[in-house]
C-alpha cells in the first residue's frame, strides 16, 4: 500500500506526467458534480476543502455542490436510503450539464454521496467520463458488503480510502475492484480514517503531513481522470 520512495529518474518522470495531465485537463475543463456524505452538508469544512482541491487539480470549469433534500436549509434529519436520493441528484447533474455543455462530466462524492454518484452514473440520460469515490462506504450498518452498484458500473472509477476506514475494509474493496468491468484505481491514504484524517501518532512516527497526504491523493485523482477523459474521447 505504501510505495518506496521513487528514484530521481522516476520523480522526474512523475513530474512530467503530472504536467501533461494538468495540461490535458486544462484543455477540456471537466464539469464536476460533488455530493456530500450522510452527516454533513455541502457547506461543511471538509466539503469546502475538497471542493477547492478538486477544482484546482482537475482544472474544472466548475465543481457543483448541493444538498440533498433531507439536509437542506439547516435540516438535520436522518438520511433516507441511498436509492431515494438518486432522482434529486440526477436533476442536479442534468442542470449542471445544461449550463456547461461540451465539458466532460465527472461525478464525485464523499461517502454516501459517492455511492449515490455510482447509482446516478448508470442512468442512460447522462454521459459520465469518470467517478471519484472519496471514502466509499462499502460496509453497511449491519455489516453487509454493499457491492452491487459497483459491480454494475460501466464508468471508470477511482477510490480514495483511508487505511483505517471502518466503513470500508480494504481487503473487501480490493476484491470488488478486481471484479469491476471498467478501469478503476484504489488510492490509499495510510493512517487515514473515513474522512482521511490521520492520527497524530501515525503522523509523528511516519513523518507524514495531513495536507501533503491529501494533496498526493488529489494528484492521483487528477492523473486518473485525465487518462479516462482521454480514453473516453477516443471512444
Protein backbone atom coordinates (compact mmCIF):
# COMPACT_ATOMS: atom_id res chain seq x y z
CA UNK A 1 0.00 0.00 0.00
CA UNK A 2 2.89 2.31 0.69
CA UNK A 3 5.34 2.52 -2.17
CA UNK A 4 9.06 3.05 -1.57
CA UNK A 5 10.46 6.48 -2.42
CA UNK A 6 10.82 6.79 -6.19
CA UNK A 7 14.22 7.18 -7.77
CA UNK A 8 15.27 10.57 -9.11
CA UNK A 9 14.50 9.32 -12.61
CA UNK A 10 11.04 8.24 -11.55
CA UNK A 11 10.45 11.53 -9.76
CA UNK A 12 11.28 13.42 -12.94
CA UNK A 13 9.01 11.15 -14.97
CA UNK A 14 6.23 11.65 -12.45
CA UNK A 15 6.59 15.44 -12.59
CA UNK A 16 6.50 15.38 -16.39
CA UNK A 17 3.49 13.07 -16.33
CA UNK A 18 1.66 15.30 -13.84
CA UNK A 19 2.39 18.33 -16.01
CA UNK A 20 0.98 16.55 -19.05
CA UNK A 21 -2.13 15.52 -17.14
CA UNK A 22 -2.60 19.07 -15.90
CA UNK A 23 -2.32 20.45 -19.43
CA UNK A 24 -4.76 17.82 -20.67
CA UNK A 25 -7.35 18.67 -18.03
CA UNK A 26 -6.90 22.40 -18.54
CA UNK A 27 -7.70 21.96 -22.21
CA UNK A 28 -11.07 20.31 -21.53
CA UNK A 29 -12.07 21.81 -18.14
CA UNK A 30 -14.26 18.99 -16.84
CA UNK A 31 -17.52 19.65 -15.04
CA UNK A 32 -17.55 18.06 -11.57
CA UNK A 33 -20.73 17.39 -9.59
CA UNK A 34 -19.69 16.72 -5.99
CA UNK A 35 -22.11 15.14 -3.50
CA UNK A 36 -21.80 15.32 0.29
CA UNK A 37 -21.87 12.47 2.81
CA UNK A 38 -24.71 11.41 5.09
CA UNK A 39 -23.91 13.52 8.13
CA UNK A 40 -22.78 16.92 6.86
CA UNK A 41 -23.97 19.33 4.14
CA UNK A 42 -22.09 20.75 1.18
CA UNK A 43 -21.00 23.72 3.30
CA UNK A 44 -19.03 21.63 5.80
CA UNK A 45 -15.32 22.41 6.18
CA UNK A 46 -14.41 19.03 4.70
CA UNK A 47 -16.56 19.53 1.61
CA UNK A 48 -15.31 23.06 1.05
CA UNK A 49 -11.68 21.96 1.32
CA UNK A 50 -12.10 19.06 -1.10
CA UNK A 51 -14.15 21.19 -3.46
CA UNK A 52 -11.16 23.52 -3.74
CA UNK A 53 -8.70 20.63 -4.08
CA UNK A 54 -10.71 19.06 -6.90
CA UNK A 55 -11.31 22.38 -8.65
CA UNK A 56 -7.59 23.16 -8.75
CA UNK A 57 -6.30 19.69 -9.58
CA UNK A 58 -8.86 18.97 -12.30
CA UNK A 59 -8.95 22.50 -13.76
CA UNK A 60 -12.72 22.16 -13.52
CA UNK A 61 -14.99 24.62 -15.27
CA UNK A 62 -16.98 24.32 -12.03
CA UNK A 63 -17.32 21.99 -9.08
CA UNK A 64 -21.04 21.92 -8.40
CA UNK A 65 -22.05 21.07 -4.84
CA UNK A 66 -25.57 20.75 -3.49
CA UNK A 67 -27.55 19.48 -0.52
CA UNK A 68 -29.88 16.52 -0.60
CA UNK A 69 -33.44 17.49 0.49
CA UNK A 70 -33.21 15.76 3.88
CA UNK A 71 -30.40 18.06 5.00
CA UNK A 72 -31.07 21.26 3.04
CA UNK A 73 -31.97 24.50 4.78
CA UNK A 74 -30.26 23.54 8.02
CA UNK A 75 -32.35 20.40 8.49
CA UNK A 76 -30.79 17.55 10.44
CA UNK A 77 -32.96 14.57 9.63
CA UNK A 78 -31.68 11.05 9.20
CA UNK A 79 -30.76 10.28 5.58
CA UNK A 80 -33.12 8.04 3.62
CA UNK A 81 -31.94 5.03 1.66
CA UNK A 82 -29.42 5.99 -1.00
CA UNK A 83 -31.76 4.88 -3.78
CA UNK A 84 -34.25 7.58 -2.78
CA UNK A 85 -31.65 10.30 -3.37
CA UNK A 86 -30.91 9.34 -6.97
CA UNK A 87 -33.68 11.40 -8.60
CA UNK A 88 -32.68 14.66 -6.89
CA UNK A 89 -29.01 14.00 -7.59
CA UNK A 90 -29.74 13.29 -11.25
CA UNK A 91 -31.72 16.53 -11.57
CA UNK A 92 -28.72 18.47 -10.24
CA UNK A 93 -26.42 16.74 -12.73
CA UNK A 94 -28.71 17.44 -15.69
CA UNK A 95 -29.00 21.10 -14.69
CA UNK A 96 -25.20 21.41 -14.45
CA UNK A 97 -24.68 19.72 -17.81
CA UNK A 98 -27.19 22.07 -19.43
CA UNK A 99 -25.25 25.03 -18.01
CA UNK A 100 -21.88 23.71 -19.23
CA UNK A 101 -22.49 21.75 -22.44
CA UNK A 102 -19.49 20.15 -24.07
CA UNK A 103 -17.46 19.71 -20.88
CA UNK A 104 -16.61 16.15 -19.75
CA UNK A 105 -18.79 15.15 -16.81
CA UNK A 106 -17.17 13.80 -13.65
CA UNK A 107 -19.21 12.64 -10.67
CA UNK A 108 -17.60 12.85 -7.23
CA UNK A 109 -18.89 12.05 -3.78
CA UNK A 110 -17.99 11.81 -0.13
CA UNK A 111 -19.05 8.52 1.49
CA UNK A 112 -22.82 8.19 0.88
CA UNK A 113 -22.54 10.80 -1.88
CA UNK A 114 -20.07 8.57 -3.72
CA UNK A 115 -22.47 5.64 -3.52
CA UNK A 116 -25.32 7.71 -4.93
CA UNK A 117 -22.98 9.06 -7.61
CA UNK A 118 -22.32 5.50 -8.74
CA UNK A 119 -26.08 4.89 -8.95
CA UNK A 120 -26.62 8.09 -10.94
CA UNK A 121 -23.78 7.21 -13.34
CA UNK A 122 -25.78 4.23 -14.56
CA UNK A 123 -28.59 6.39 -15.92
CA UNK A 124 -28.75 6.44 -19.71
CA UNK A 125 -29.74 10.12 -19.82
CA UNK A 126 -26.22 11.32 -18.93
CA UNK A 127 -22.71 10.63 -20.24
CA UNK A 128 -20.23 10.28 -17.37
CA UNK A 129 -16.49 10.22 -18.06
CA UNK A 130 -15.31 9.23 -14.57
CA UNK A 131 -16.39 8.76 -10.96
CA UNK A 132 -14.41 9.83 -7.90
CA UNK A 133 -15.32 7.97 -4.70
CA UNK A 134 -13.92 9.62 -1.58
CA UNK A 135 -14.34 7.19 1.30
CA UNK A 136 -16.75 4.73 -0.32
CA UNK A 137 -18.98 3.15 2.39
CA UNK A 138 -18.71 -0.46 1.27
CA UNK A 139 -19.79 -1.84 4.63
CA UNK A 140 -23.45 -1.34 5.56
CA UNK A 141 -24.86 -0.63 9.01
CA UNK A 142 -25.43 -4.34 9.65
CA UNK A 143 -22.07 -5.38 8.22
CA UNK A 144 -23.25 -6.44 4.77
CA UNK A 145 -20.98 -5.58 1.82
CA UNK A 146 -22.75 -3.12 -0.48
CA UNK A 147 -21.02 -4.02 -3.73
CA UNK A 148 -23.96 -4.49 -6.13
CA UNK A 149 -23.82 -0.94 -7.53
CA UNK A 150 -20.06 -1.13 -8.06
CA UNK A 151 -20.24 -4.43 -9.90
CA UNK A 152 -22.85 -2.98 -12.27
CA UNK A 153 -20.81 0.12 -13.10
CA UNK A 154 -19.68 0.80 -16.66
CA UNK A 155 -17.82 4.04 -15.85
CA UNK A 156 -14.11 4.28 -14.87
CA UNK A 157 -13.85 4.86 -11.13
CA UNK A 158 -11.16 5.88 -8.68
CA UNK A 159 -11.48 5.17 -4.96
CA UNK A 160 -9.63 7.19 -2.33
CA UNK A 161 -9.76 5.40 1.01
CA UNK A 162 -8.15 5.78 4.41
CA UNK A 163 -6.33 2.65 5.55
CA UNK A 164 -8.17 2.86 8.89
CA UNK A 165 -11.64 3.41 7.42
CA UNK A 166 -14.07 1.33 9.46
CA UNK A 167 -16.77 1.60 6.78
CA UNK A 168 -14.63 0.09 4.06
CA UNK A 169 -12.47 -2.98 4.76
CA UNK A 170 -9.70 -2.60 2.21
CA UNK A 171 -9.34 -6.32 1.57
CA UNK A 172 -13.03 -6.49 0.65
CA UNK A 173 -12.81 -3.42 -1.60
CA UNK A 174 -9.76 -4.87 -3.34
CA UNK A 175 -11.77 -8.00 -4.11
CA UNK A 176 -14.59 -5.87 -5.53
CA UNK A 177 -12.40 -3.70 -7.77
CA UNK A 178 -10.87 -6.83 -9.27
CA UNK A 179 -14.35 -7.89 -10.36
CA UNK A 180 -15.38 -4.49 -11.72
CA UNK A 181 -15.53 -4.31 -15.52
CA UNK A 182 -14.43 -0.71 -16.22
CA UNK A 183 -10.95 0.59 -15.45
CA UNK A 184 -10.52 1.54 -11.82
CA UNK A 185 -7.92 2.54 -9.27
CA UNK A 186 -7.62 2.42 -5.50
CA UNK A 187 -5.56 5.11 -3.78
CA UNK A 188 -4.92 4.54 -0.07
CA UNK A 189 -4.16 7.29 2.43
CA UNK A 190 -2.09 5.47 5.02
CA UNK A 191 -3.30 6.06 8.57
CA UNK A 192 -6.41 7.88 7.34
CA UNK A 193 -9.90 7.30 8.72
CA UNK A 194 -13.23 7.52 6.85
CA UNK A 195 -12.63 11.25 6.27
CA UNK A 196 -8.89 10.73 5.63
CA UNK A 197 -7.89 12.26 8.97
CA UNK A 198 -4.56 10.78 10.05
CA UNK A 199 -3.91 10.29 13.76
CA UNK A 200 -1.19 12.35 15.44
CA UNK A 201 0.80 9.27 16.49
CA UNK A 202 0.90 7.99 12.93
CA UNK A 203 1.88 11.39 11.58
CA UNK A 204 4.72 11.63 14.10
CA UNK A 205 6.00 8.09 13.60
CA UNK A 206 5.82 8.20 9.81
CA UNK A 207 6.92 11.79 9.30
CA UNK A 208 3.75 12.34 7.27
CA UNK A 209 1.77 15.53 6.89
CA UNK A 210 -2.04 15.69 6.60
CA UNK A 211 -2.03 18.34 3.91
CA UNK A 212 0.63 16.57 1.86
CA UNK A 213 -1.23 13.26 2.11
CA UNK A 214 -4.40 14.85 0.73
CA UNK A 215 -2.51 16.73 -1.99
CA UNK A 216 -0.91 13.47 -3.14
CA UNK A 217 -4.32 11.82 -3.19
CA UNK A 218 -5.88 14.52 -5.33
CA UNK A 219 -2.91 14.37 -7.73
CA UNK A 220 -3.62 10.66 -8.20
CA UNK A 221 -7.26 11.54 -8.83
CA UNK A 222 -6.26 14.11 -11.47
CA UNK A 223 -3.99 11.60 -13.24
CA UNK A 224 -6.77 9.03 -13.35
CA UNK A 225 -9.40 11.49 -14.56
CA UNK A 226 -7.10 12.88 -17.26
CA UNK A 227 -6.48 9.38 -18.62
CA UNK A 228 -10.13 8.33 -18.52
CA UNK A 229 -11.31 11.52 -20.26
CA UNK A 230 -8.71 10.97 -22.96
CA UNK A 231 -9.80 7.36 -23.43
CA UNK A 232 -13.47 8.40 -23.31
CA UNK A 233 -12.95 10.96 -26.08
CA UNK A 234 -11.15 8.41 -28.24
CA UNK A 235 -14.08 6.03 -27.91
